[in-house]
Amino acid sequence: MYVGFMKKNTYKLAITIILLLMLLNTVIAAEKTS
């Protein structure tokens, strides 16, 4: 049960980090083009 909980949280955390990195790259690209 505990391990499954940890895996689920790690999965969510990984998705959150990826989305934040994508957002950051978009902001950086927008800053460069303007």
C-alpha atoms as a PDB file:
ATOM      1  CA  MET A   1       0.000   0.000   0.000  1.00  0.00           C
ATOM      2  CA  TYR A   2       2.700   2.473   1.023  1.00  0.00           C
ATOM      3  CA  VAL A   3       4.887   1.642  -1.986  1.00  0.00           C
ATOM      4  CA  GLY A   4       1.935   2.099  -4.334  1.00  0.00           C
ATOM      5  CA  PHE A   5       1.228   5.469  -2.739  1.00  0.00           C
ATOM      6  CA  MET A   6       4.845   6.518  -3.271  1.00  0.00           C
ATOM      7  CA  LYS A   7       4.789   5.398  -6.905  1.00  0.00           C
ATOM      8  CA  LYS A   8       1.601   7.343  -7.575  1.00  0.00           C
ATOM      9  CA  ASN A   9       3.074  10.479  -6.011  1.00  0.00           C
ATOM     10  CA  THR A  10       6.346  10.089  -7.924  1.00  0.00           C
ATOM     11  CA  TYR A  11       4.351   9.745 -11.161  1.00  0.00           C
ATOM     12  CA  LYS A  12       2.391  12.932 -10.400  1.00  0.00           C
ATOM     13  CA  LEU A  13       5.576  14.749  -9.399  1.00  0.00           C
ATOM     14  CA  ALA A  14       7.316  13.732 -12.636  1.00  0.00           C
ATOM     15  CA  ILE A  15       4.385  15.023 -14.719  1.00  0.00           C
ATOM     16  CA  THR A  16       4.372  18.293 -12.777  1.00  0.00           C
ATOM     17  CA  ILE A  17       8.118  18.774 -13.321  1.00  0.00           C
ATOM     18  CA  ILE A  18       7.804  18.035 -17.064  1.00  0.00           C
ATOM     19  CA  LEU A  19       4.918  20.499 -17.422  1.00  0.00           C
ATOM     20  CA  LEU A  20       6.875  23.173 -15.542  1.00  0.00           C
ATOM     21  CA  LEU A  21       9.934  22.629 -17.743  1.00  0.00           C
ATOM     22  CA  MET A  22       7.783  22.887 -20.885  1.00  0.00           C
ATOM     23  CA  LEU A  23       6.239  26.106 -19.571  1.00  0.00           C
ATOM     24  CA  LEU A  24       9.680  27.486 -18.736  1.00  0.00           C
ATOM     25  CA  ASN A  25      10.969  26.656 -22.245  1.00  0.00           C
ATOM     26  CA  THR A  26       7.943  28.410 -23.764  1.00  0.00           C
ATOM     27  CA  VAL A  27       8.608  31.526 -21.668  1.00  0.00           C
ATOM     28  CA  ILE A  28      12.304  31.531 -22.598  1.00  0.00           C
ATOM     29  CA  ALA A  29      11.471  31.130 -26.300  1.00  0.00           C
ATOM     30  CA  ALA A  30       8.956  33.991 -26.089  1.00  0.00           C
ATOM     31  CA  GLU A  31      11.549  36.194 -24.373  1.00  0.00           C
ATOM     32  CA  LYS A  32      14.137  35.486 -27.095  1.00  0.00           C
ATOM     33  CA  THR A  33      11.780  36.174 -30.005  1.00  0.00           C
ATOM     34  CA  SER A  34      10.446  39.472 -28.610  1.00  0.00           C
END
